[in-house]
């Protein structure tokens, strides 16, 4: 997904339970980087999670919308 997003063409990414099974520290770091890399004006990324640590990072960036 990251490589495709570098082409700057419209794209939709659907991610369910990102990095599930990864330890908390690595999961949060990797998820933040993935979200940052997929937050482009030409991309729509939907991520589902039950992880409140990941859910709370949406408050840090206005481009991220919680639903």
PDB file of N, CA and C in Angstrom:
ATOM      1  N   UNK A   1       0.813  -1.190   0.000  1.00  0.00           N
ATOM      2  CA  UNK A   1       0.000   0.000   0.000  1.00  0.00           C
ATOM      3  C   UNK A   1       0.860   1.260   0.000  1.00  0.00           C
ATOM      4  N   UNK A   2       1.915   1.240   0.784  1.00  0.00           N
ATOM      5  CA  UNK A   2       2.788   2.414   0.859  1.00  0.00           C
ATOM      6  C   UNK A   2       3.413   2.679  -0.509  1.00  0.00           C
ATOM      7  N   UNK A   3       3.886   1.629  -1.162  1.00  0.00           N
ATOM      8  CA  UNK A   3       4.509   1.792  -2.481  1.00  0.00           C
ATOM      9  C   UNK A   3       3.504   2.326  -3.497  1.00  0.00           C
ATOM     10  N   UNK A   4       2.287   1.810  -3.482  1.00  0.00           N
ATOM     11  CA  UNK A   4       1.257   2.290  -4.412  1.00  0.00           C
ATOM     12  C   UNK A   4       0.930   3.747  -4.130  1.00  0.00           C
ATOM     13  N   UNK A   5       0.895   4.133  -2.855  1.00  0.00           N
ATOM     14  CA  UNK A   5       0.554   5.520  -2.510  1.00  0.00           C
ATOM     15  C   UNK A   5       1.598   6.512  -3.029  1.00  0.00           C
ATOM     16  N   UNK A   6       2.808   6.056  -3.260  1.00  0.00           N
ATOM     17  CA  UNK A   6       3.857   6.934  -3.778  1.00  0.00           C
ATOM     18  C   UNK A   6       3.622   7.327  -5.235  1.00  0.00           C
ATOM     19  N   UNK A   7       2.731   6.598  -5.923  1.00  0.00           N
ATOM     20  CA  UNK A   7       2.421   6.917  -7.321  1.00  0.00           C
ATOM     21  C   UNK A   7       1.499   8.124  -7.438  1.00  0.00           C
ATOM     22  N   UNK A   8       0.938   8.564  -6.335  1.00  0.00           N
ATOM     23  CA  UNK A   8       0.072   9.739  -6.271  1.00  0.00           C
ATOM     24  C   UNK A   8      -1.144   9.620  -7.183  1.00  0.00           C
ATOM     25  N   UNK A   9      -1.727   8.453  -7.233  1.00  0.00           N
ATOM     26  CA  UNK A   9      -2.975   8.245  -7.950  1.00  0.00           C
ATOM     27  C   UNK A   9      -4.063   7.937  -6.930  1.00  0.00           C
ATOM     28  N   UNK A  10      -5.325   8.228  -7.257  1.00  0.00           N
ATOM     29  CA  UNK A  10      -6.401   7.960  -6.301  1.00  0.00           C
ATOM     30  C   UNK A  10      -6.394   6.500  -5.848  1.00  0.00           C
ATOM     31  N   UNK A  11      -6.582   6.303  -4.556  1.00  0.00           N
ATOM     32  CA  UNK A  11      -6.581   4.941  -4.030  1.00  0.00           C
ATOM     33  C   UNK A  11      -7.436   4.850  -2.777  1.00  0.00           C
ATOM     34  N   UNK A  12      -7.903   3.650  -2.508  1.00  0.00           N
ATOM     35  CA  UNK A  12      -8.630   3.343  -1.275  1.00  0.00           C
ATOM     36  C   UNK A  12      -7.916   2.169  -0.627  1.00  0.00           C
ATOM     37  N   UNK A  13      -7.629   2.285   0.671  1.00  0.00           N
ATOM     38  CA  UNK A  13      -7.018   1.200   1.435  1.00  0.00           C
ATOM     39  C   UNK A  13      -7.963   0.828   2.565  1.00  0.00           C
ATOM     40  N   UNK A  14      -8.187  -0.453   2.745  1.00  0.00           N
ATOM     41  CA  UNK A  14      -9.013  -0.963   3.834  1.00  0.00           C
ATOM     42  C   UNK A  14      -8.138  -1.860   4.700  1.00  0.00           C
ATOM     43  N   UNK A  15      -7.999  -1.512   5.971  1.00  0.00           N
ATOM     44  CA  UNK A  15      -7.132  -2.268   6.877  1.00  0.00           C
ATOM     45  C   UNK A  15      -7.948  -2.669   8.099  1.00  0.00           C
ATOM     46  N   UNK A  16      -8.002  -3.961   8.384  1.00  0.00           N
ATOM     47  CA  UNK A  16      -8.738  -4.467   9.537  1.00  0.00           C
ATOM     48  C   UNK A  16      -7.749  -4.915  10.607  1.00  0.00           C
ATOM     49  N   UNK A  17      -7.878  -4.346  11.794  1.00  0.00           N
ATOM     50  CA  UNK A  17      -7.031  -4.700  12.941  1.00  0.00           C
ATOM     51  C   UNK A  17      -5.545  -4.634  12.579  1.00  0.00           C
ATOM     52  N   UNK A  18      -5.084  -3.439  12.256  1.00  0.00           N
ATOM     53  CA  UNK A  18      -3.709  -3.207  11.825  1.00  0.00           C
ATOM     54  C   UNK A  18      -2.698  -3.717  12.864  1.00  0.00           C
ATOM     55  N   UNK A  19      -1.768  -4.507  12.417  1.00  0.00           N
ATOM     56  CA  UNK A  19      -0.679  -5.058  13.232  1.00  0.00           C
ATOM     57  C   UNK A  19      -1.167  -5.841  14.443  1.00  0.00           C
ATOM     58  N   UNK A  20      -2.319  -6.484  14.333  1.00  0.00           N
ATOM     59  CA  UNK A  20      -2.831  -7.331  15.419  1.00  0.00           C
ATOM     60  C   UNK A  20      -1.816  -8.437  15.709  1.00  0.00           C
ATOM     61  N   UNK A  21      -1.585  -8.698  16.968  1.00  0.00           N
ATOM     62  CA  UNK A  21      -0.640  -9.724  17.364  1.00  0.00           C
ATOM     63  C   UNK A  21       0.763  -9.192  17.611  1.00  0.00           C
ATOM     64  N   UNK A  22       0.980  -7.928  17.319  1.00  0.00           N
ATOM     65  CA  UNK A  22       2.274  -7.285  17.553  1.00  0.00           C
ATOM     66  C   UNK A  22       2.274  -6.687  18.954  1.00  0.00           C
ATOM     67  N   UNK A  23       3.422  -6.647  19.618  1.00  0.00           N
ATOM     68  CA  UNK A  23       3.457  -6.057  20.959  1.00  0.00           C
ATOM     69  C   UNK A  23       3.048  -4.590  20.883  1.00  0.00           C
ATOM     70  N   UNK A  24       2.551  -4.066  21.992  1.00  0.00           N
ATOM     71  CA  UNK A  24       1.927  -2.733  22.018  1.00  0.00           C
ATOM     72  C   UNK A  24       2.851  -1.628  21.518  1.00  0.00           C
ATOM     73  N   UNK A  25       4.086  -1.609  21.976  1.00  0.00           N
ATOM     74  CA  UNK A  25       5.008  -0.538  21.594  1.00  0.00           C
ATOM     75  C   UNK A  25       5.261  -0.535  20.087  1.00  0.00           C
ATOM     76  N   UNK A  26       5.572  -1.700  19.534  1.00  0.00           N
ATOM     77  CA  UNK A  26       5.838  -1.802  18.097  1.00  0.00           C
ATOM     78  C   UNK A  26       4.579  -1.543  17.276  1.00  0.00           C
ATOM     79  N   UNK A  27       3.422  -2.029  17.762  1.00  0.00           N
ATOM     80  CA  UNK A  27       2.158  -1.851  17.049  1.00  0.00           C
ATOM     81  C   UNK A  27       1.820  -0.370  16.899  1.00  0.00           C
ATOM     82  N   UNK A  28       1.941   0.396  17.991  1.00  0.00           N
ATOM     83  CA  UNK A  28       1.617   1.818  17.959  1.00  0.00           C
ATOM     84  C   UNK A  28       2.572   2.555  17.021  1.00  0.00           C
ATOM     85  N   UNK A  29       3.861   2.279  17.138  1.00  0.00           N
ATOM     86  CA  UNK A  29       4.847   2.933  16.276  1.00  0.00           C
ATOM     87  C   UNK A  29       4.574   2.623  14.803  1.00  0.00           C
ATOM     88  N   UNK A  30       4.417   1.343  14.486  1.00  0.00           N
ATOM     89  CA  UNK A  30       4.210   0.937  13.095  1.00  0.00           C
ATOM     90  C   UNK A  30       2.896   1.480  12.544  1.00  0.00           C
ATOM     91  N   UNK A  31       1.854   1.464  13.353  1.00  0.00           N
ATOM     92  CA  UNK A  31       0.557   1.976  12.900  1.00  0.00           C
ATOM     93  C   UNK A  31       0.623   3.472  12.628  1.00  0.00           C
ATOM     94  N   UNK A  32       1.269   4.226  13.512  1.00  0.00           N
ATOM     95  CA  UNK A  32       1.405   5.671  13.290  1.00  0.00           C
ATOM     96  C   UNK A  32       2.142   5.958  11.990  1.00  0.00           C
ATOM     97  N   UNK A  33       3.211   5.229  11.739  1.00  0.00           N
ATOM     98  CA  UNK A  33       3.985   5.433  10.512  1.00  0.00           C
ATOM     99  C   UNK A  33       3.175   5.051   9.276  1.00  0.00           C
ATOM    100  N   UNK A  34       2.446   3.952   9.367  1.00  0.00           N
ATOM    101  CA  UNK A  34       1.614   3.528   8.246  1.00  0.00           C
ATOM    102  C   UNK A  34       0.532   4.561   7.966  1.00  0.00           C
ATOM    103  N   UNK A  35      -0.140   5.026   9.010  1.00  0.00           N
ATOM    104  CA  UNK A  35      -1.190   6.035   8.850  1.00  0.00           C
ATOM    105  C   UNK A  35      -0.607   7.319   8.273  1.00  0.00           C
ATOM    106  N   UNK A  36       0.540   7.728   8.781  1.00  0.00           N
ATOM    107  CA  UNK A  36       1.187   8.943   8.268  1.00  0.00           C
ATOM    108  C   UNK A  36       1.504   8.799   6.778  1.00  0.00           C
ATOM    109  N   UNK A  37       2.011   7.645   6.392  1.00  0.00           N
ATOM    110  CA  UNK A  37       2.369   7.419   4.990  1.00  0.00           C
ATOM    111  C   UNK A  37       1.162   7.290   4.071  1.00  0.00           C
ATOM    112  N   UNK A  38       0.033   6.888   4.611  1.00  0.00           N
ATOM    113  CA  UNK A  38      -1.172   6.740   3.795  1.00  0.00           C
ATOM    114  C   UNK A  38      -2.082   7.963   3.864  1.00  0.00           C
ATOM    115  N   UNK A  39      -1.735   8.948   4.659  1.00  0.00           N
ATOM    116  CA  UNK A  39      -2.537  10.179   4.770  1.00  0.00           C
ATOM    117  C   UNK A  39      -2.131  11.143   3.657  1.00  0.00           C
ATOM    118  N   UNK A  40      -2.738  10.936   2.524  1.00  0.00           N
ATOM    119  CA  UNK A  40      -2.449  11.740   1.335  1.00  0.00           C
ATOM    120  C   UNK A  40      -3.755  12.326   0.819  1.00  0.00           C
ATOM    121  N   UNK A  41      -3.702  13.470   0.134  1.00  0.00           N
ATOM    122  CA  UNK A  41      -4.936  14.084  -0.367  1.00  0.00           C
ATOM    123  C   UNK A  41      -5.655  13.233  -1.412  1.00  0.00           C
ATOM    124  N   UNK A  42      -4.966  12.318  -2.054  1.00  0.00           N
ATOM    125  CA  UNK A  42      -5.554  11.483  -3.097  1.00  0.00           C
ATOM    126  C   UNK A  42      -5.898  10.084  -2.596  1.00  0.00           C
ATOM    127  N   UNK A  43      -5.756   9.843  -1.291  1.00  0.00           N
ATOM    128  CA  UNK A  43      -5.983   8.507  -0.744  1.00  0.00           C
ATOM    129  C   UNK A  43      -7.030   8.528   0.365  1.00  0.00           C
ATOM    130  N   UNK A  44      -7.861   7.501   0.358  1.00  0.00           N
ATOM    131  CA  UNK A  44      -8.806   7.278   1.449  1.00  0.00           C
ATOM    132  C   UNK A  44      -8.391   5.971   2.107  1.00  0.00           C
ATOM    133  N   UNK A  45      -8.144   6.026   3.403  1.00  0.00           N
ATOM    134  CA  UNK A  45      -7.735   4.839   4.138  1.00  0.00           C
ATOM    135  C   UNK A  45      -8.698   4.626   5.293  1.00  0.00           C
ATOM    136  N   UNK A  46      -9.296   3.445   5.351  1.00  0.00           N
ATOM    137  CA  UNK A  46     -10.187   3.078   6.443  1.00  0.00           C
ATOM    138  C   UNK A  46      -9.512   1.999   7.267  1.00  0.00           C
ATOM    139  N   UNK A  47      -9.400   2.256   8.567  1.00  0.00           N
ATOM    140  CA  UNK A  47      -8.760   1.311   9.474  1.00  0.00           C
ATOM    141  C   UNK A  47      -9.744   0.983  10.584  1.00  0.00           C
ATOM    142  N   UNK A  48      -9.955  -0.304  10.815  1.00  0.00           N
ATOM    143  CA  UNK A  48     -10.804  -0.720  11.928  1.00  0.00           C
ATOM    144  C   UNK A  48      -9.917  -1.272  13.030  1.00  0.00           C
ATOM    145  N   UNK A  49     -10.318  -1.017  14.277  1.00  0.00           N
ATOM    146  CA  UNK A  49      -9.549  -1.527  15.405  1.00  0.00           C
ATOM    147  C   UNK A  49     -10.404  -1.548  16.664  1.00  0.00           C
ATOM    148  N   UNK A  50     -10.063  -2.438  17.556  1.00  0.00           N
ATOM    149  CA  UNK A  50     -10.631  -2.456  18.903  1.00  0.00           C
ATOM    150  C   UNK A  50      -9.606  -1.905  19.888  1.00  0.00           C
ATOM    151  N   UNK A  51      -8.471  -1.507  19.389  1.00  0.00           N
ATOM    152  CA  UNK A  51      -7.352  -1.047  20.206  1.00  0.00           C
ATOM    153  C   UNK A  51      -7.508   0.446  20.497  1.00  0.00           C
ATOM    154  N   UNK A  52      -7.817   0.786  21.742  1.00  0.00           N
ATOM    155  CA  UNK A  52      -8.037   2.183  22.093  1.00  0.00           C
ATOM    156  C   UNK A  52      -6.764   3.020  21.998  1.00  0.00           C
ATOM    157  N   UNK A  53      -5.602   2.401  22.120  1.00  0.00           N
ATOM    158  CA  UNK A  53      -4.352   3.150  21.934  1.00  0.00           C
ATOM    159  C   UNK A  53      -4.244   3.659  20.497  1.00  0.00           C
ATOM    160  N   UNK A  54      -4.612   2.831  19.555  1.00  0.00           N
ATOM    161  CA  UNK A  54      -4.588   3.260  18.155  1.00  0.00           C
ATOM    162  C   UNK A  54      -5.710   4.245  17.868  1.00  0.00           C
ATOM    163  N   UNK A  55      -6.851   4.006  18.447  1.00  0.00           N
ATOM    164  CA  UNK A  55      -7.995   4.903  18.253  1.00  0.00           C
ATOM    165  C   UNK A  55      -7.657   6.311  18.718  1.00  0.00           C
ATOM    166  N   UNK A  56      -6.930   6.416  19.807  1.00  0.00           N
ATOM    167  CA  UNK A  56      -6.638   7.731  20.379  1.00  0.00           C
ATOM    168  C   UNK A  56      -5.661   8.557  19.543  1.00  0.00           C
ATOM    169  N   UNK A  57      -4.885   7.951  18.647  1.00  0.00           N
ATOM    170  CA  UNK A  57      -3.945   8.745  17.850  1.00  0.00           C
ATOM    171  C   UNK A  57      -4.673   9.635  16.854  1.00  0.00           C
ATOM    172  N   UNK A  58      -5.927   9.343  16.578  1.00  0.00           N
ATOM    173  CA  UNK A  58      -6.690  10.184  15.653  1.00  0.00           C
ATOM    174  C   UNK A  58      -6.882  11.590  16.202  1.00  0.00           C
ATOM    175  N   UNK A  59      -6.799  11.764  17.509  1.00  0.00           N
ATOM    176  CA  UNK A  59      -6.940  13.088  18.095  1.00  0.00           C
ATOM    177  C   UNK A  59      -5.720  13.968  17.829  1.00  0.00           C
ATOM    178  N   UNK A  60      -4.623  13.378  17.409  1.00  0.00           N
ATOM    179  CA  UNK A  60      -3.378  14.119  17.202  1.00  0.00           C
ATOM    180  C   UNK A  60      -3.289  14.785  15.831  1.00  0.00           C
ATOM    181  N   UNK A  61      -4.153  14.411  14.917  1.00  0.00           N
ATOM    182  CA  UNK A  61      -4.036  14.919  13.549  1.00  0.00           C
ATOM    183  C   UNK A  61      -5.418  15.212  12.985  1.00  0.00           C
ATOM    184  N   UNK A  62      -5.624  16.421  12.547  1.00  0.00           N
ATOM    185  CA  UNK A  62      -6.929  16.855  12.045  1.00  0.00           C
ATOM    186  C   UNK A  62      -7.341  16.111  10.776  1.00  0.00           C
ATOM    187  N   UNK A  63      -6.385  15.563  10.017  1.00  0.00           N
ATOM    188  CA  UNK A  63      -6.708  14.858   8.780  1.00  0.00           C
ATOM    189  C   UNK A  63      -7.324  13.488   9.039  1.00  0.00           C
ATOM    190  N   UNK A  64      -7.233  13.013  10.274  1.00  0.00           N
ATOM    191  CA  UNK A  64      -7.740  11.689  10.603  1.00  0.00           C
ATOM    192  C   UNK A  64      -9.115  11.844  11.237  1.00  0.00           C
ATOM    193  N   UNK A  65     -10.084  11.166  10.682  1.00  0.00           N
ATOM    194  CA  UNK A  65     -11.460  11.251  11.150  1.00  0.00           C
ATOM    195  C   UNK A  65     -11.841   9.960  11.857  1.00  0.00           C
ATOM    196  N   UNK A  66     -12.403  10.093  13.027  1.00  0.00           N
ATOM    197  CA  UNK A  66     -12.891   8.928  13.759  1.00  0.00           C
ATOM    198  C   UNK A  66     -14.362   8.736  13.458  1.00  0.00           C
ATOM    199  N   UNK A  67     -14.770   7.494  13.373  1.00  0.00           N
ATOM    200  CA  UNK A  67     -16.189   7.199  13.140  1.00  0.00           C
ATOM    201  C   UNK A  67     -16.663   6.190  14.146  1.00  0.00           C
TER     202      UNK A  67
END
